[in-house]
Amino acid sequence: MTSSPAVAPPVSAKPVRRPGDLIFSGTALAAGLLILVALAAVAVFLVGESIPALGVKKADLPVGFSTFLEYAGPLVFGTVWAALLALVIAVPLSLGIALFISHYAPRRVARGLGYVIDLLAAVPSVVYGLWGITVLAPFVQPFYTFLNTYLGWVPFFSGSVSATGRTVLTVAVVLAVMVLPIITALCREVFLQTPRLQEEAAYALGATRWEMIRISVLPFGRAGIVSAVMLGLGRALGETLAVAMVLSPAVVVSFFVLTTQNPTTIAANIALQFPDSYGISVNVLIATGLVLFVITFVVNALARGIVSRTSVGRNN
C-alpha cells in the first residue's frame, strides 16, 4: 500500500499593480512628505530668524525688560492661561451638548442642533472679536462687579474690576465659544460609535441612561475626548484676532481675571506689534512665534501619547 505524494499548495500569484493604484499610492506618499517638508521649512525659518533675538540688547526690548526670556515669559503665561480658562468653560459644555445630541435629543432636534454646532466653526474670528468687544464685554461687566463684591476673597476675583469688561475672562469666554464646535463635533461622532451591544448590556443589567453613559459611552470615547480637547486647546493657543480685539493687553503675569491689567498672548502680541517693528524687533517677535510653535508641538505630542496609552489600555 503506497501513500499518495503530497500535493504542494498552490503558489499565489503576485498581485498586479494597476496604474490607478500606483498613482494613488504615489500621491498619498507625496502628500505625507509635503506635510513633513512644510513643517521642517517652518521650523528652520523660525529657528534661523530667532537666533539674533537670543542676544538682543535691553534697548531693543520694550521698557521694563532686560533679556528675551524676561519678555517671552509673561507672553507664554498669558497664552497658556487664556487657553486653560477657555477649556475650563468649553469642555463641560461640549461634553454635555455632545451627549445630548447623541443619546438624549430626538432625531430631528439632534440633526438640527448638530448643523448649528457645525456652522459655528465656520464663523470668522473677526466676527467673534466684534461680538466679544461690543456685546459680551458690556453684558458681563455687571456680573464681574458682582463676583468682585461677593467673591473678592477668592484670589482670581480680587483687584480693581475693569469698567469695560475687556478682561482675560472675557477673552476666555470668546475662546470657549470658538473651540466649542470643534470639541462638540468630535465628541459627538465618538459617542455615536459606541458599540450598541455595550449599551444594551448596560441596560440589561438595570442601568439607567446616565449610568449606561458613565460605564459604557464615556470609557469607550476617552481617547476621542482627549483628542478633541487637545485640538480645541491648539485652536485656543493660536487664536490671534479675537484676542487682540477684545483684550486690553499688557506683558505681565497676573492671575486676576477681572482687572484692567491682563496678560496678553503670543499670537495677539505679534499681531499688534509687528506692523510697527523693524530690525531686531522683528526677530524678537519671530522668536516668540518659535516659542508658540514649540508649545503647540509639545501639546500635540502629549495628546498623542495620552491617546495611545488610553487606546492600549482599552484594548487590554
C-alpha atoms as a PDB file:
ATOM      1  CA  MET A   1       0.000   0.000   0.000  1.00  0.00           C
ATOM      2  CA  THR A   2       1.650   3.180  -1.199  1.00  0.00           C
ATOM      3  CA  SER A   3       0.874   6.654   0.049  1.00  0.00           C
ATOM      4  CA  SER A   4      -0.089   9.287  -2.432  1.00  0.00           C
ATOM      5  CA  PRO A   5       2.508  12.006  -2.948  1.00  0.00           C
ATOM      6  CA  ALA A   6       1.879  15.258  -1.047  1.00  0.00           C
ATOM      7  CA  VAL A   7       0.373  17.956  -3.153  1.00  0.00           C
ATOM      8  CA  ALA A   8       2.216  21.255  -2.891  1.00  0.00           C
ATOM      9  CA  PRO A   9      -0.030  24.220  -2.056  1.00  0.00           C
ATOM     10  CA  PRO A  10      -0.675  26.495  -4.967  1.00  0.00           C
ATOM     11  CA  VAL A  11       1.655  29.429  -5.194  1.00  0.00           C
ATOM     12  CA  SER A  12      -0.297  32.641  -5.010  1.00  0.00           C
ATOM     13  CA  ALA A  13       0.360  34.939  -7.895  1.00  0.00           C
ATOM     14  CA  LYS A  14       1.876  38.315  -7.168  1.00  0.00           C
ATOM     15  CA  PRO A  15      -0.850  40.944  -7.147  1.00  0.00           C
ATOM     16  CA  VAL A  16      -0.913  43.104 -10.214  1.00  0.00           C
ATOM     17  CA  ARG A  17      -0.223  46.773  -9.535  1.00  0.00           C
ATOM     18  CA  ARG A  18      -2.644  48.712 -11.646  1.00  0.00           C
ATOM     19  CA  PRO A  19      -1.742  52.227 -12.828  1.00  0.00           C
ATOM     20  CA  GLY A  20      -4.521  53.684 -10.686  1.00  0.00           C
ATOM     21  CA  ASP A  21      -3.088  52.038  -7.550  1.00  0.00           C
ATOM     22  CA  LEU A  22       0.389  53.331  -8.326  1.00  0.00           C
ATOM     23  CA  ILE A  23      -0.899  56.864  -8.904  1.00  0.00           C
ATOM     24  CA  PHE A  24      -2.943  56.822  -5.694  1.00  0.00           C
ATOM     25  CA  SER A  25      -0.129  55.437  -3.524  1.00  0.00           C
ATOM     26  CA  GLY A  26       2.347  57.888  -5.030  1.00  0.00           C
ATOM     27  CA  THR A  27       0.003  60.811  -4.442  1.00  0.00           C
ATOM     28  CA  ALA A  28      -0.600  59.773  -0.830  1.00  0.00           C
ATOM     29  CA  LEU A  29       3.143  59.407  -0.224  1.00  0.00           C
ATOM     30  CA  ALA A  30       3.835  62.799  -1.786  1.00  0.00           C
ATOM     31  CA  ALA A  31       1.132  64.437   0.350  1.00  0.00           C
ATOM     32  CA  GLY A  32       2.609  62.966   3.534  1.00  0.00           C
ATOM     33  CA  LEU A  33       6.123  64.045   2.591  1.00  0.00           C
ATOM     34  CA  LEU A  34       4.846  67.515   1.682  1.00  0.00           C
ATOM     35  CA  ILE A  35       3.491  67.970   5.197  1.00  0.00           C
ATOM     36  CA  LEU A  36       6.833  66.990   6.707  1.00  0.00           C
ATOM     37  CA  VAL A  37       8.737  69.269   4.335  1.00  0.00           C
ATOM     38  CA  ALA A  38       6.436  72.214   5.120  1.00  0.00           C
ATOM     39  CA  LEU A  39       6.784  71.614   8.865  1.00  0.00           C
ATOM     40  CA  ALA A  40      10.552  71.385   8.584  1.00  0.00           C
ATOM     41  CA  ALA A  41      10.665  74.565   6.481  1.00  0.00           C
ATOM     42  CA  VAL A  42       8.651  76.474   9.072  1.00  0.00           C
ATOM     43  CA  ALA A  43      10.873  75.190  11.872  1.00  0.00           C
ATOM     44  CA  VAL A  44      14.071  76.121  10.012  1.00  0.00           C
ATOM     45  CA  PHE A  45      12.743  79.601   9.264  1.00  0.00           C
ATOM     46  CA  LEU A  46      11.708  80.227  12.871  1.00  0.00           C
ATOM     47  CA  VAL A  47      14.992  78.958  14.290  1.00  0.00           C
ATOM     48  CA  GLY A  48      17.095  80.904  11.790  1.00  0.00           C
ATOM     49  CA  GLU A  49      15.268  84.182  12.358  1.00  0.00           C
ATOM     50  CA  SER A  50      15.166  83.699  16.142  1.00  0.00           C
ATOM     51  CA  ILE A  51      18.903  83.305  16.707  1.00  0.00           C
ATOM     52  CA  PRO A  52      19.622  87.086  16.642  1.00  0.00           C
ATOM     53  CA  ALA A  53      16.943  87.617  19.302  1.00  0.00           C
ATOM     54  CA  LEU A  54      18.797  85.487  21.845  1.00  0.00           C
ATOM     55  CA  GLY A  55      21.457  88.170  22.268  1.00  0.00           C
ATOM     56  CA  VAL A  56      19.119  91.133  21.998  1.00  0.00           C
ATOM     57  CA  LYS A  57      20.031  94.260  23.914  1.00  0.00           C
ATOM     58  CA  LYS A  58      17.847  95.949  26.506  1.00  0.00           C
ATOM     59  CA  ALA A  59      17.336  98.955  24.231  1.00  0.00           C
ATOM     60  CA  ASP A  60      15.679  96.760  21.587  1.00  0.00           C
ATOM     61  CA  LEU A  61      13.121  95.332  24.026  1.00  0.00           C
ATOM     62  CA  PRO A  62      10.010  97.013  25.431  1.00  0.00           C
ATOM     63  CA  VAL A  63      10.515  99.131  28.521  1.00  0.00           C
ATOM     64  CA  GLY A  64      10.953  97.068  31.679  1.00  0.00           C
ATOM     65  CA  PHE A  65      12.644  94.022  30.130  1.00  0.00           C
ATOM     66  CA  SER A  66      16.363  93.271  30.026  1.00  0.00           C
ATOM     67  CA  THR A  67      16.505  89.886  28.267  1.00  0.00           C
ATOM     68  CA  PHE A  68      14.430  87.937  25.786  1.00  0.00           C
ATOM     69  CA  LEU A  69      13.426  85.392  28.408  1.00  0.00           C
ATOM     70  CA  GLU A  70      12.020  88.119  30.660  1.00  0.00           C
ATOM     71  CA  TYR A  71       9.970  89.362  27.717  1.00  0.00           C
ATOM     72  CA  ALA A  72       8.776  85.946  26.498  1.00  0.00           C
ATOM     73  CA  GLY A  73       7.885  84.562  29.938  1.00  0.00           C
ATOM     74  CA  PRO A  74       4.741  86.695  30.512  1.00  0.00           C
ATOM     75  CA  LEU A  75       3.628  86.048  26.922  1.00  0.00           C
ATOM     76  CA  VAL A  76       3.862  82.307  27.449  1.00  0.00           C
ATOM     77  CA  PHE A  77       1.935  82.631  30.700  1.00  0.00           C
ATOM     78  CA  GLY A  78      -0.828  84.683  29.052  1.00  0.00           C
ATOM     79  CA  THR A  79      -1.144  82.236  26.166  1.00  0.00           C
ATOM     80  CA  VAL A  80      -1.443  79.180  28.394  1.00  0.00           C
ATOM     81  CA  TRP A  81      -3.606  80.960  30.994  1.00  0.00           C
ATOM     82  CA  ALA A  82      -6.217  82.167  28.494  1.00  0.00           C
ATOM     83  CA  ALA A  83      -6.325  78.774  26.760  1.00  0.00           C
ATOM     84  CA  LEU A  84      -6.781  76.876  30.027  1.00  0.00           C
ATOM     85  CA  LEU A  85      -9.565  79.208  31.155  1.00  0.00           C
ATOM     86  CA  ALA A  86     -11.273  78.657  27.802  1.00  0.00           C
ATOM     87  CA  LEU A  87     -11.043  74.878  28.180  1.00  0.00           C
ATOM     88  CA  VAL A  88     -12.459  75.017  31.714  1.00  0.00           C
ATOM     89  CA  ILE A  89     -15.523  76.719  30.246  1.00  0.00           C
ATOM     90  CA  ALA A  90     -15.785  74.855  26.945  1.00  0.00           C
ATOM     91  CA  VAL A  91     -15.103  71.201  27.829  1.00  0.00           C
ATOM     92  CA  PRO A  92     -18.078  70.598  30.189  1.00  0.00           C
ATOM     93  CA  LEU A  93     -20.430  72.401  27.797  1.00  0.00           C
ATOM     94  CA  SER A  94     -19.088  70.484  24.810  1.00  0.00           C
ATOM     95  CA  LEU A  95     -19.430  67.110  26.515  1.00  0.00           C
ATOM     96  CA  GLY A  96     -22.950  67.937  27.663  1.00  0.00           C
ATOM     97  CA  ILE A  97     -24.049  69.080  24.195  1.00  0.00           C
ATOM     98  CA  ALA A  98     -22.427  66.059  22.529  1.00  0.00           C
ATOM     99  CA  LEU A  99     -24.150  63.641  24.929  1.00  0.00           C
ATOM    100  CA  PHE A 100     -27.480  65.422  24.454  1.00  0.00           C
ATOM    101  CA  ILE A 101     -27.215  65.170  20.671  1.00  0.00           C
ATOM    102  CA  SER A 102     -26.090  61.547  20.655  1.00  0.00           C
ATOM    103  CA  HIS A 103     -28.205  59.989  23.430  1.00  0.00           C
ATOM    104  CA  TYR A 104     -30.971  62.299  24.634  1.00  0.00           C
ATOM    105  CA  ALA A 105     -32.360  64.541  21.914  1.00  0.00           C
ATOM    106  CA  PRO A 106     -34.989  63.350  19.403  1.00  0.00           C
ATOM    107  CA  ARG A 107     -33.578  62.635  15.961  1.00  0.00           C
ATOM    108  CA  ARG A 108     -34.869  65.812  14.311  1.00  0.00           C
ATOM    109  CA  VAL A 109     -33.720  68.022  17.164  1.00  0.00           C
ATOM    110  CA  ALA A 110     -30.322  66.306  17.240  1.00  0.00           C
ATOM    111  CA  ARG A 111     -29.878  66.773  13.481  1.00  0.00           C
ATOM    112  CA  GLY A 112     -30.745  70.472  13.616  1.00  0.00           C
ATOM    113  CA  LEU A 113     -28.597  71.133  16.667  1.00  0.00           C
ATOM    114  CA  GLY A 114     -25.712  69.305  15.033  1.00  0.00           C
ATOM    115  CA  TYR A 115     -25.956  71.570  11.971  1.00  0.00           C
ATOM    116  CA  VAL A 116     -25.930  74.663  14.191  1.00  0.00           C
ATOM    117  CA  ILE A 117     -22.856  73.455  16.088  1.00  0.00           C
ATOM    118  CA  ASP A 118     -21.035  72.714  12.826  1.00  0.00           C
ATOM    119  CA  LEU A 119     -21.890  76.170  11.460  1.00  0.00           C
ATOM    120  CA  LEU A 120     -20.333  77.843  14.497  1.00  0.00           C
ATOM    121  CA  ALA A 121     -16.954  76.512  13.396  1.00  0.00           C
ATOM    122  CA  ALA A 122     -17.271  78.438  10.117  1.00  0.00           C
ATOM    123  CA  VAL A 123     -17.763  81.853  11.745  1.00  0.00           C
ATOM    124  CA  PRO A 124     -14.648  84.044  11.137  1.00  0.00           C
ATOM    125  CA  SER A 125     -12.511  85.092  14.080  1.00  0.00           C
ATOM    126  CA  VAL A 126     -13.168  88.774  13.424  1.00  0.00           C
ATOM    127  CA  VAL A 127     -16.891  88.200  13.961  1.00  0.00           C
ATOM    128  CA  TYR A 128     -16.208  86.597  17.335  1.00  0.00           C
ATOM    129  CA  GLY A 129     -13.936  89.512  18.192  1.00  0.00           C
ATOM    130  CA  LEU A 130     -16.595  92.081  17.297  1.00  0.00           C
ATOM    131  CA  TRP A 131     -19.195  90.168  19.273  1.00  0.00           C
ATOM    132  CA  GLY A 132     -16.883  89.969  22.267  1.00  0.00           C
ATOM    133  CA  ILE A 133     -15.990  93.658  22.339  1.00  0.00           C
ATOM    134  CA  THR A 134     -19.415  95.144  21.509  1.00  0.00           C
ATOM    135  CA  VAL A 135     -21.858  92.678  23.081  1.00  0.00           C
ATOM    136  CA  LEU A 136     -20.227  90.285  25.525  1.00  0.00           C
ATOM    137  CA  ALA A 137     -17.899  92.677  27.391  1.00  0.00           C
ATOM    138  CA  PRO A 138     -20.600  95.233  28.349  1.00  0.00           C
ATOM    139  CA  PHE A 139     -23.023  92.424  29.163  1.00  0.00           C
ATOM    140  CA  VAL A 140     -20.740  90.597  31.626  1.00  0.00           C
ATOM    141  CA  GLN A 141     -19.292  93.694  33.310  1.00  0.00           C
ATOM    142  CA  PRO A 142     -22.051  93.889  35.979  1.00  0.00           C
ATOM    143  CA  PHE A 143     -21.524  90.189  36.658  1.00  0.00           C
ATOM    144  CA  TYR A 144     -17.817  90.848  37.160  1.00  0.00           C
ATOM    145  CA  THR A 145     -18.710  93.532  39.702  1.00  0.00           C
ATOM    146  CA  PHE A 146     -20.933  91.026  41.491  1.00  0.00           C
ATOM    147  CA  LEU A 147     -18.126  88.447  41.584  1.00  0.00           C
ATOM    148  CA  ASN A 148     -15.687  91.004  42.929  1.00  0.00           C
ATOM    149  CA  THR A 149     -18.122  92.208  45.599  1.00  0.00           C
ATOM    150  CA  TYR A 150     -19.207  88.847  46.980  1.00  0.00           C
ATOM    151  CA  LEU A 151     -16.331  86.561  45.959  1.00  0.00           C
ATOM    152  CA  GLY A 152     -13.470  89.015  46.196  1.00  0.00           C
ATOM    153  CA  TRP A 153     -11.858  86.815  48.833  1.00  0.00           C
ATOM    154  CA  VAL A 154     -11.059  84.383  46.017  1.00  0.00           C
ATOM    155  CA  PRO A 155      -7.671  85.470  44.589  1.00  0.00           C
ATOM    156  CA  PHE A 156      -8.852  85.187  40.973  1.00  0.00           C
ATOM    157  CA  PHE A 157     -11.738  87.634  41.537  1.00  0.00           C
ATOM    158  CA  SER A 158      -9.913  90.238  43.614  1.00  0.00           C
ATOM    159  CA  GLY A 159      -8.446  93.520  42.439  1.00  0.00           C
ATOM    160  CA  SER A 160     -10.000  96.541  40.749  1.00  0.00           C
ATOM    161  CA  VAL A 161     -12.751  95.479  38.361  1.00  0.00           C
ATOM    162  CA  SER A 162     -12.496  96.655  34.755  1.00  0.00           C
ATOM    163  CA  ALA A 163     -15.129  99.220  33.831  1.00  0.00           C
ATOM    164  CA  THR A 164     -15.258  97.983  30.225  1.00  0.00           C
ATOM    165  CA  GLY A 165     -15.418  94.225  30.802  1.00  0.00           C
ATOM    166  CA  ARG A 166     -12.458  93.678  28.458  1.00  0.00           C
ATOM    167  CA  THR A 167     -10.586  91.205  30.647  1.00  0.00           C
ATOM    168  CA  VAL A 168      -8.875  87.884  30.233  1.00  0.00           C
ATOM    169  CA  LEU A 169     -12.033  86.160  31.468  1.00  0.00           C
ATOM    170  CA  THR A 170     -13.995  87.743  28.611  1.00  0.00           C
ATOM    171  CA  VAL A 171     -11.330  86.509  26.197  1.00  0.00           C
ATOM    172  CA  ALA A 172     -11.651  83.045  27.721  1.00  0.00           C
ATOM    173  CA  VAL A 173     -15.412  83.072  27.103  1.00  0.00           C
ATOM    174  CA  VAL A 174     -14.872  84.113  23.479  1.00  0.00           C
ATOM    175  CA  LEU A 175     -12.243  81.412  23.003  1.00  0.00           C
ATOM    176  CA  ALA A 176     -14.554  78.867  24.633  1.00  0.00           C
ATOM    177  CA  VAL A 177     -17.285  79.690  22.121  1.00  0.00           C
ATOM    178  CA  MET A 178     -14.753  79.357  19.309  1.00  0.00           C
ATOM    179  CA  VAL A 179     -13.417  75.935  20.371  1.00  0.00           C
ATOM    180  CA  LEU A 180     -16.801  74.579  21.460  1.00  0.00           C
ATOM    181  CA  PRO A 181     -17.855  73.459  17.913  1.00  0.00           C
ATOM    182  CA  ILE A 182     -14.591  71.547  17.434  1.00  0.00           C
ATOM    183  CA  ILE A 183     -14.780  69.649  20.718  1.00  0.00           C
ATOM    184  CA  THR A 184     -18.518  69.049  20.432  1.00  0.00           C
ATOM    185  CA  ALA A 185     -18.420  67.729  16.868  1.00  0.00           C
ATOM    186  CA  LEU A 186     -15.595  65.294  17.562  1.00  0.00           C
ATOM    187  CA  CYS A 187     -17.070  64.053  20.854  1.00  0.00           C
ATOM    188  CA  ARG A 188     -20.468  63.598  19.200  1.00  0.00           C
ATOM    189  CA  GLU A 189     -19.003  61.368  16.496  1.00  0.00           C
ATOM    190  CA  VAL A 190     -17.061  59.353  19.063  1.00  0.00           C
ATOM    191  CA  PHE A 191     -20.120  58.841  21.270  1.00  0.00           C
ATOM    192  CA  LEU A 192     -22.183  57.686  18.280  1.00  0.00           C
ATOM    193  CA  GLN A 193     -19.593  54.982  17.559  1.00  0.00           C
ATOM    194  CA  THR A 194     -20.099  53.281  20.927  1.00  0.00           C
ATOM    195  CA  PRO A 195     -20.996  49.610  20.229  1.00  0.00           C
ATOM    196  CA  ARG A 196     -24.714  49.107  20.516  1.00  0.00           C
ATOM    197  CA  LEU A 197     -24.184  45.793  22.323  1.00  0.00           C
ATOM    198  CA  GLN A 198     -22.348  47.523  25.160  1.00  0.00           C
ATOM    199  CA  GLU A 199     -25.188  49.987  25.652  1.00  0.00           C
ATOM    200  CA  GLU A 200     -27.834  47.240  25.571  1.00  0.00           C
ATOM    201  CA  ALA A 201     -25.790  45.147  28.002  1.00  0.00           C
ATOM    202  CA  ALA A 202     -25.722  48.042  30.456  1.00  0.00           C
ATOM    203  CA  TYR A 203     -29.492  48.461  30.138  1.00  0.00           C
ATOM    204  CA  ALA A 204     -29.943  44.710  30.634  1.00  0.00           C
ATOM    205  CA  LEU A 205     -28.079  44.935  33.933  1.00  0.00           C
ATOM    206  CA  GLY A 206     -30.580  47.538  35.135  1.00  0.00           C
ATOM    207  CA  ALA A 207     -28.553  50.668  34.489  1.00  0.00           C
ATOM    208  CA  THR A 208     -30.268  53.986  33.915  1.00  0.00           C
ATOM    209  CA  ARG A 209     -29.419  56.064  30.867  1.00  0.00           C
ATOM    210  CA  TRP A 210     -26.862  58.129  32.762  1.00  0.00           C
ATOM    211  CA  GLU A 211     -25.328  55.001  34.314  1.00  0.00           C
ATOM    212  CA  MET A 212     -25.105  53.458  30.839  1.00  0.00           C
ATOM    213  CA  ILE A 213     -23.312  56.574  29.582  1.00  0.00           C
ATOM    214  CA  ARG A 214     -20.966  56.582  32.563  1.00  0.00           C
ATOM    215  CA  ILE A 215     -19.954  52.896  32.343  1.00  0.00           C
ATOM    216  CA  SER A 216     -20.144  52.396  28.578  1.00  0.00           C
ATOM    217  CA  VAL A 217     -20.091  55.550  26.436  1.00  0.00           C
ATOM    218  CA  LEU A 218     -17.554  57.683  28.311  1.00  0.00           C
ATOM    219  CA  PRO A 219     -14.938  54.917  28.766  1.00  0.00           C
ATOM    220  CA  PHE A 220     -15.235  53.975  25.099  1.00  0.00           C
ATOM    221  CA  GLY A 221     -14.805  57.560  23.957  1.00  0.00           C
ATOM    222  CA  ARG A 222     -11.998  58.519  26.359  1.00  0.00           C
ATOM    223  CA  ALA A 223      -9.330  58.632  23.654  1.00  0.00           C
ATOM    224  CA  GLY A 224     -11.573  60.637  21.353  1.00  0.00           C
ATOM    225  CA  ILE A 225     -12.405  63.091  24.127  1.00  0.00           C
ATOM    226  CA  VAL A 226      -8.716  63.687  24.801  1.00  0.00           C
ATOM    227  CA  SER A 227      -8.064  64.236  21.090  1.00  0.00           C
ATOM    228  CA  ALA A 228     -10.972  66.686  20.830  1.00  0.00           C
ATOM    229  CA  VAL A 229      -9.833  68.650  23.877  1.00  0.00           C
ATOM    230  CA  MET A 230      -6.277  68.879  22.564  1.00  0.00           C
ATOM    231  CA  LEU A 231      -7.495  70.094  19.172  1.00  0.00           C
ATOM    232  CA  GLY A 232      -9.534  72.746  20.946  1.00  0.00           C
ATOM    233  CA  LEU A 233      -6.502  73.670  23.043  1.00  0.00           C
ATOM    234  CA  GLY A 234      -4.445  74.088  19.887  1.00  0.00           C
ATOM    235  CA  ARG A 235      -7.070  76.433  18.442  1.00  0.00           C
ATOM    236  CA  ALA A 236      -7.176  78.455  21.659  1.00  0.00           C
ATOM    237  CA  LEU A 237      -3.380  78.702  21.873  1.00  0.00           C
ATOM    238  CA  GLY A 238      -3.034  80.053  18.354  1.00  0.00           C
ATOM    239  CA  GLU A 239      -6.028  82.377  18.177  1.00  0.00           C
ATOM    240  CA  THR A 240      -4.961  85.883  17.252  1.00  0.00           C
ATOM    241  CA  LEU A 241      -7.562  88.328  16.010  1.00  0.00           C
ATOM    242  CA  ALA A 242     -10.319  87.752  18.551  1.00  0.00           C
ATOM    243  CA  VAL A 243      -7.880  88.067  21.467  1.00  0.00           C
ATOM    244  CA  ALA A 244      -6.261  91.194  20.014  1.00  0.00           C
ATOM    245  CA  MET A 245      -9.650  92.866  19.544  1.00  0.00           C
ATOM    246  CA  VAL A 246     -11.188  92.036  22.921  1.00  0.00           C
ATOM    247  CA  LEU A 247      -8.285  92.212  25.342  1.00  0.00           C
ATOM    248  CA  SER A 248      -6.650  95.280  26.820  1.00  0.00           C
ATOM    249  CA  PRO A 249      -3.196  93.688  26.796  1.00  0.00           C
ATOM    250  CA  ALA A 250      -0.106  94.059  28.950  1.00  0.00           C
ATOM    251  CA  VAL A 251       3.030  91.944  29.096  1.00  0.00           C
ATOM    252  CA  VAL A 252       2.543  90.900  32.720  1.00  0.00           C
ATOM    253  CA  VAL A 253       1.997  87.795  34.816  1.00  0.00           C
ATOM    254  CA  SER A 254      -1.317  88.127  36.628  1.00  0.00           C
ATOM    255  CA  PHE A 255      -3.844  85.566  37.812  1.00  0.00           C
ATOM    256  CA  PHE A 256      -6.547  88.204  38.274  1.00  0.00           C
ATOM    257  CA  VAL A 257      -9.318  87.674  35.711  1.00  0.00           C
ATOM    258  CA  LEU A 258     -11.426  90.800  36.318  1.00  0.00           C
ATOM    259  CA  THR A 259      -8.913  93.649  36.351  1.00  0.00           C
ATOM    260  CA  THR A 260      -7.867  96.110  33.668  1.00  0.00           C
ATOM    261  CA  GLN A 261      -4.292  94.801  33.547  1.00  0.00           C
ATOM    262  CA  ASN A 262      -4.412  91.492  31.688  1.00  0.00           C
ATOM    263  CA  PRO A 263      -1.679  89.211  30.340  1.00  0.00           C
ATOM    264  CA  THR A 264      -1.639  89.039  26.560  1.00  0.00           C
ATOM    265  CA  THR A 265      -0.960  86.039  24.327  1.00  0.00           C
ATOM    266  CA  ILE A 266       1.944  85.424  21.989  1.00  0.00           C
ATOM    267  CA  ALA A 267      -0.188  85.441  18.848  1.00  0.00           C
ATOM    268  CA  ALA A 268      -2.045  88.631  19.785  1.00  0.00           C
ATOM    269  CA  ASN A 269       1.197  90.370  20.744  1.00  0.00           C
ATOM    270  CA  ILE A 270       2.752  89.519  17.379  1.00  0.00           C
ATOM    271  CA  ALA A 271      -0.312  90.805  15.516  1.00  0.00           C
ATOM    272  CA  LEU A 272      -0.320  94.086  17.447  1.00  0.00           C
ATOM    273  CA  GLN A 273       3.429  94.769  17.469  1.00  0.00           C
ATOM    274  CA  PHE A 274       4.551  93.522  14.052  1.00  0.00           C
ATOM    275  CA  PRO A 275       3.334  96.485  11.928  1.00  0.00           C
ATOM    276  CA  ASP A 276       5.489  98.932  13.936  1.00  0.00           C
ATOM    277  CA  SER A 277       8.521  96.654  14.336  1.00  0.00           C
ATOM    278  CA  TYR A 278      11.765  96.771  12.379  1.00  0.00           C
ATOM    279  CA  GLY A 279      15.262  95.338  12.592  1.00  0.00           C
ATOM    280  CA  ILE A 280      15.997  93.206  15.636  1.00  0.00           C
ATOM    281  CA  SER A 281      12.475  93.806  16.975  1.00  0.00           C
ATOM    282  CA  VAL A 282      11.122  91.649  14.149  1.00  0.00           C
ATOM    283  CA  ASN A 283      13.495  88.846  15.169  1.00  0.00           C
ATOM    284  CA  VAL A 284      12.252  89.130  18.742  1.00  0.00           C
ATOM    285  CA  LEU A 285       8.654  88.686  17.611  1.00  0.00           C
ATOM    286  CA  ILE A 286       9.619  85.741  15.409  1.00  0.00           C
ATOM    287  CA  ALA A 287      11.403  84.203  18.398  1.00  0.00           C
ATOM    288  CA  THR A 288       8.187  84.421  20.418  1.00  0.00           C
ATOM    289  CA  GLY A 289       6.481  82.715  17.477  1.00  0.00           C
ATOM    290  CA  LEU A 290       9.045  79.927  17.772  1.00  0.00           C
ATOM    291  CA  VAL A 291       8.124  79.564  21.438  1.00  0.00           C
ATOM    292  CA  LEU A 292       4.450  79.233  20.476  1.00  0.00           C
ATOM    293  CA  PHE A 293       5.429  76.670  17.826  1.00  0.00           C
ATOM    294  CA  VAL A 294       7.241  74.600  20.453  1.00  0.00           C
ATOM    295  CA  ILE A 295       4.331  74.849  22.892  1.00  0.00           C
ATOM    296  CA  THR A 296       1.878  73.645  20.243  1.00  0.00           C
ATOM    297  CA  PHE A 297       4.204  70.807  19.239  1.00  0.00           C
ATOM    298  CA  VAL A 298       4.588  69.669  22.859  1.00  0.00           C
ATOM    299  CA  VAL A 299       0.815  69.804  23.430  1.00  0.00           C
ATOM    300  CA  ASN A 300       0.145  67.682  20.349  1.00  0.00           C
ATOM    301  CA  ALA A 301       2.860  65.204  21.314  1.00  0.00           C
ATOM    302  CA  LEU A 302       1.385  64.839  24.798  1.00  0.00           C
ATOM    303  CA  ALA A 303      -2.065  64.362  23.287  1.00  0.00           C
ATOM    304  CA  ARG A 304      -0.804  61.604  21.002  1.00  0.00           C
ATOM    305  CA  GLY A 305       0.866  59.899  23.929  1.00  0.00           C
ATOM    306  CA  ILE A 306      -2.268  60.068  26.083  1.00  0.00           C
ATOM    307  CA  VAL A 307      -4.445  58.776  23.248  1.00  0.00           C
ATOM    308  CA  SER A 308      -2.067  55.899  22.550  1.00  0.00           C
ATOM    309  CA  ARG A 309      -1.914  54.846  26.202  1.00  0.00           C
ATOM    310  CA  THR A 310      -5.685  55.104  26.502  1.00  0.00           C
ATOM    311  CA  SER A 311      -6.233  53.001  23.376  1.00  0.00           C
ATOM    312  CA  VAL A 312      -3.791  50.339  24.556  1.00  0.00           C
ATOM    313  CA  GLY A 313      -5.415  50.189  27.992  1.00  0.00           C
ATOM    314  CA  ARG A 314      -8.871  49.829  26.450  1.00  0.00           C
ATOM    315  CA  ASN A 315      -7.730  47.025  24.125  1.00  0.00           C
ATOM    316  CA  ASN A 316      -6.169  45.138  27.032  1.00  0.00           C
END
